[in-house]
Amino acid sequence: LIGDIERIDNVKSSIKAVRNTIPDGALEAEQKALSYGSTQSLV
């Protein structure tokens, strides 16, 4: 059980490290782009 908790803590710290490397505003820009979908507008 302790080994599992340590692995979970390692995963959490790794996720946090990756999130810290993402530039500010990048996630919002990607979410906005995804909200438009993948089909192009004909207008």
PDB file of N, CA and C in Angstrom:
ATOM      1  N   LEU A   1       0.833  -1.210   0.000  1.00  0.00           N
ATOM      2  CA  LEU A   1       0.000   0.000   0.000  1.00  0.00           C
ATOM      3  C   LEU A   1       0.869   1.263   0.000  1.00  0.00           C
ATOM      4  N   ILE A   2       1.916   1.252   0.800  1.00  0.00           N
ATOM      5  CA  ILE A   2       2.799   2.420   0.860  1.00  0.00           C
ATOM      6  C   ILE A   2       3.490   2.628  -0.486  1.00  0.00           C
ATOM      7  N   GLY A   3       3.878   1.525  -1.124  1.00  0.00           N
ATOM      8  CA  GLY A   3       4.493   1.628  -2.446  1.00  0.00           C
ATOM      9  C   GLY A   3       3.539   2.230  -3.464  1.00  0.00           C
ATOM     10  N   ASP A   4       2.258   1.844  -3.381  1.00  0.00           N
ATOM     11  CA  ASP A   4       1.251   2.409  -4.291  1.00  0.00           C
ATOM     12  C   ASP A   4       1.081   3.903  -4.060  1.00  0.00           C
ATOM     13  N   ILE A   5       1.058   4.307  -2.810  1.00  0.00           N
ATOM     14  CA  ILE A   5       0.910   5.729  -2.482  1.00  0.00           C
ATOM     15  C   ILE A   5       2.106   6.518  -2.999  1.00  0.00           C
ATOM     16  N   GLU A   6       3.299   5.953  -2.860  1.00  0.00           N
ATOM     17  CA  GLU A   6       4.494   6.637  -3.365  1.00  0.00           C
ATOM     18  C   GLU A   6       4.447   6.782  -4.881  1.00  0.00           C
ATOM     19  N   ARG A   7       3.966   5.753  -5.574  1.00  0.00           N
ATOM     20  CA  ARG A   7       3.855   5.843  -7.036  1.00  0.00           C
ATOM     21  C   ARG A   7       2.839   6.905  -7.432  1.00  0.00           C
ATOM     22  N   ILE A   8       1.727   6.970  -6.709  1.00  0.00           N
ATOM     23  CA  ILE A   8       0.709   7.990  -6.996  1.00  0.00           C
ATOM     24  C   ILE A   8       1.293   9.377  -6.777  1.00  0.00           C
ATOM     25  N   ASP A   9       2.057   9.548  -5.713  1.00  0.00           N
ATOM     26  CA  ASP A   9       2.701  10.843  -5.457  1.00  0.00           C
ATOM     27  C   ASP A   9       3.675  11.197  -6.575  1.00  0.00           C
ATOM     28  N   ASN A  10       4.408  10.200  -7.073  1.00  0.00           N
ATOM     29  CA  ASN A  10       5.335  10.447  -8.182  1.00  0.00           C
ATOM     30  C   ASN A  10       4.584  10.868  -9.437  1.00  0.00           C
ATOM     31  N   VAL A  11       3.463  10.223  -9.710  1.00  0.00           N
ATOM     32  CA  VAL A  11       2.657  10.582 -10.881  1.00  0.00           C
ATOM     33  C   VAL A  11       2.112  11.994 -10.726  1.00  0.00           C
ATOM     34  N   LYS A  12       1.618  12.316  -9.537  1.00  0.00           N
ATOM     35  CA  LYS A  12       1.091  13.663  -9.294  1.00  0.00           C
ATOM     36  C   LYS A  12       2.166  14.721  -9.503  1.00  0.00           C
ATOM     37  N   SER A  13       3.357  14.473  -8.997  1.00  0.00           N
ATOM     38  CA  SER A  13       4.424  15.462  -9.155  1.00  0.00           C
ATOM     39  C   SER A  13       4.852  15.568 -10.614  1.00  0.00           C
ATOM     40  N   SER A  14       4.815  14.470 -11.344  1.00  0.00           N
ATOM     41  CA  SER A  14       5.152  14.514 -12.771  1.00  0.00           C
ATOM     42  C   SER A  14       4.118  15.313 -13.551  1.00  0.00           C
ATOM     43  N   ILE A  15       2.850  15.107 -13.254  1.00  0.00           N
ATOM     44  CA  ILE A  15       1.779  15.862 -13.918  1.00  0.00           C
ATOM     45  C   ILE A  15       1.921  17.343 -13.616  1.00  0.00           C
ATOM     46  N   LYS A  16       2.210  17.665 -12.366  1.00  0.00           N
ATOM     47  CA  LYS A  16       2.386  19.063 -11.978  1.00  0.00           C
ATOM     48  C   LYS A  16       3.555  19.691 -12.724  1.00  0.00           C
ATOM     49  N   ALA A  17       4.642  18.944 -12.888  1.00  0.00           N
ATOM     50  CA  ALA A  17       5.813  19.455 -13.600  1.00  0.00           C
ATOM     51  C   ALA A  17       5.480  19.735 -15.062  1.00  0.00           C
ATOM     52  N   VAL A  18       4.723  18.843 -15.687  1.00  0.00           N
ATOM     53  CA  VAL A  18       4.332  19.050 -17.086  1.00  0.00           C
ATOM     54  C   VAL A  18       3.418  20.260 -17.201  1.00  0.00           C
ATOM     55  N   ARG A  19       2.469  20.383 -16.287  1.00  0.00           N
ATOM     56  CA  ARG A  19       1.553  21.536 -16.322  1.00  0.00           C
ATOM     57  C   ARG A  19       2.315  22.846 -16.166  1.00  0.00           C
ATOM     58  N   ASN A  20       3.349  22.845 -15.361  1.00  0.00           N
ATOM     59  CA  ASN A  20       4.126  24.067 -15.145  1.00  0.00           C
ATOM     60  C   ASN A  20       4.926  24.470 -16.377  1.00  0.00           C
ATOM     61  N   THR A  21       5.203  23.521 -17.278  1.00  0.00           N
ATOM     62  CA  THR A  21       5.964  23.848 -18.483  1.00  0.00           C
ATOM     63  C   THR A  21       5.080  24.380 -19.606  1.00  0.00           C
ATOM     64  N   ILE A  22       3.766  24.242 -19.475  1.00  0.00           N
ATOM     65  CA  ILE A  22       2.848  24.733 -20.508  1.00  0.00           C
ATOM     66  C   ILE A  22       2.739  26.250 -20.371  1.00  0.00           C
ATOM     67  N   PRO A  23       2.932  26.996 -21.461  1.00  0.00           N
ATOM     68  CA  PRO A  23       2.860  28.459 -21.391  1.00  0.00           C
ATOM     69  C   PRO A  23       1.464  28.942 -20.978  1.00  0.00           C
ATOM     70  N   ASP A  24       1.436  30.083 -20.289  1.00  0.00           N
ATOM     71  CA  ASP A  24       0.158  30.674 -19.891  1.00  0.00           C
ATOM     72  C   ASP A  24      -0.665  30.997 -21.127  1.00  0.00           C
ATOM     73  N   GLY A  25      -1.940  30.665 -21.087  1.00  0.00           N
ATOM     74  CA  GLY A  25      -2.833  30.966 -22.197  1.00  0.00           C
ATOM     75  C   GLY A  25      -2.889  29.880 -23.251  1.00  0.00           C
ATOM     76  N   ALA A  26      -1.972  28.928 -23.216  1.00  0.00           N
ATOM     77  CA  ALA A  26      -1.945  27.885 -24.244  1.00  0.00           C
ATOM     78  C   ALA A  26      -3.157  26.965 -24.126  1.00  0.00           C
ATOM     79  N   LEU A  27      -3.543  26.637 -22.901  1.00  0.00           N
ATOM     80  CA  LEU A  27      -4.684  25.747 -22.722  1.00  0.00           C
ATOM     81  C   LEU A  27      -5.975  26.407 -23.172  1.00  0.00           C
ATOM     82  N   GLU A  28      -6.135  27.684 -22.837  1.00  0.00           N
ATOM     83  CA  GLU A  28      -7.343  28.393 -23.243  1.00  0.00           C
ATOM     84  C   GLU A  28      -7.426  28.496 -24.760  1.00  0.00           C
ATOM     85  N   ALA A  29      -6.299  28.755 -25.400  1.00  0.00           N
ATOM     86  CA  ALA A  29      -6.276  28.861 -26.861  1.00  0.00           C
ATOM     87  C   ALA A  29      -6.624  27.523 -27.500  1.00  0.00           C
ATOM     88  N   GLU A  30      -6.118  26.444 -26.933  1.00  0.00           N
ATOM     89  CA  GLU A  30      -6.415  25.128 -27.497  1.00  0.00           C
ATOM     90  C   GLU A  30      -7.881  24.775 -27.298  1.00  0.00           C
ATOM     91  N   GLN A  31      -8.433  25.075 -26.116  1.00  0.00           N
ATOM     92  CA  GLN A  31      -9.841  24.790 -25.868  1.00  0.00           C
ATOM     93  C   GLN A  31     -10.730  25.595 -26.803  1.00  0.00           C
ATOM     94  N   LYS A  32     -10.358  26.835 -27.061  1.00  0.00           N
ATOM     95  CA  LYS A  32     -11.129  27.670 -27.975  1.00  0.00           C
ATOM     96  C   LYS A  32     -11.086  27.084 -29.381  1.00  0.00           C
ATOM     97  N   ALA A  33      -9.912  26.649 -29.808  1.00  0.00           N
ATOM     98  CA  ALA A  33      -9.776  26.054 -31.139  1.00  0.00           C
ATOM     99  C   ALA A  33     -10.586  24.764 -31.237  1.00  0.00           C
ATOM    100  N   LEU A  34     -10.579  23.961 -30.178  1.00  0.00           N
ATOM    101  CA  LEU A  34     -11.336  22.715 -30.193  1.00  0.00           C
ATOM    102  C   LEU A  34     -12.832  22.964 -30.191  1.00  0.00           C
ATOM    103  N   SER A  35     -13.271  24.081 -29.622  1.00  0.00           N
ATOM    104  CA  SER A  35     -14.705  24.365 -29.570  1.00  0.00           C
ATOM    105  C   SER A  35     -15.274  24.625 -30.955  1.00  0.00           C
ATOM    106  N   TYR A  36     -14.414  25.020 -31.897  1.00  0.00           N
ATOM    107  CA  TYR A  36     -14.871  25.258 -33.261  1.00  0.00           C
ATOM    108  C   TYR A  36     -15.040  23.960 -34.035  1.00  0.00           C
ATOM    109  N   GLY A  37     -14.501  22.885 -33.540  1.00  0.00           N
ATOM    110  CA  GLY A  37     -14.613  21.598 -34.215  1.00  0.00           C
ATOM    111  C   GLY A  37     -13.573  21.446 -35.307  1.00  0.00           C
ATOM    112  N   SER A  38     -13.620  20.294 -35.964  1.00  0.00           N
ATOM    113  CA  SER A  38     -12.608  20.007 -36.980  1.00  0.00           C
ATOM    114  C   SER A  38     -13.103  20.269 -38.395  1.00  0.00           C
ATOM    115  N   THR A  39     -14.385  20.582 -38.552  1.00  0.00           N
ATOM    116  CA  THR A  39     -14.896  20.856 -39.896  1.00  0.00           C
ATOM    117  C   THR A  39     -14.744  22.329 -40.207  1.00  0.00           C
ATOM    118  N   GLN A  40     -14.424  22.631 -41.437  1.00  0.00           N
ATOM    119  CA  GLN A  40     -14.231  24.013 -41.833  1.00  0.00           C
ATOM    120  C   GLN A  40     -15.567  24.646 -42.188  1.00  0.00           C
ATOM    121  N   SER A  41     -15.669  25.910 -41.900  1.00  0.00           N
ATOM    122  CA  SER A  41     -16.878  26.658 -42.214  1.00  0.00           C
ATOM    123  C   SER A  41     -16.887  27.016 -43.691  1.00  0.00           C
ATOM    124  N   LEU A  42     -18.068  27.005 -44.293  1.00  0.00           N
ATOM    125  CA  LEU A  42     -18.200  27.363 -45.705  1.00  0.00           C
ATOM    126  C   LEU A  42     -18.471  28.842 -45.886  1.00  0.00           C
ATOM    127  N   VAL A  43     -18.594  29.567 -44.789  1.00  0.00           N
ATOM    128  CA  VAL A  43     -18.904  30.996 -44.872  1.00  0.00           C
ATOM    129  C   VAL A  43     -17.649  31.801 -45.042  1.00  0.00           C
TER     130      VAL A  43
END
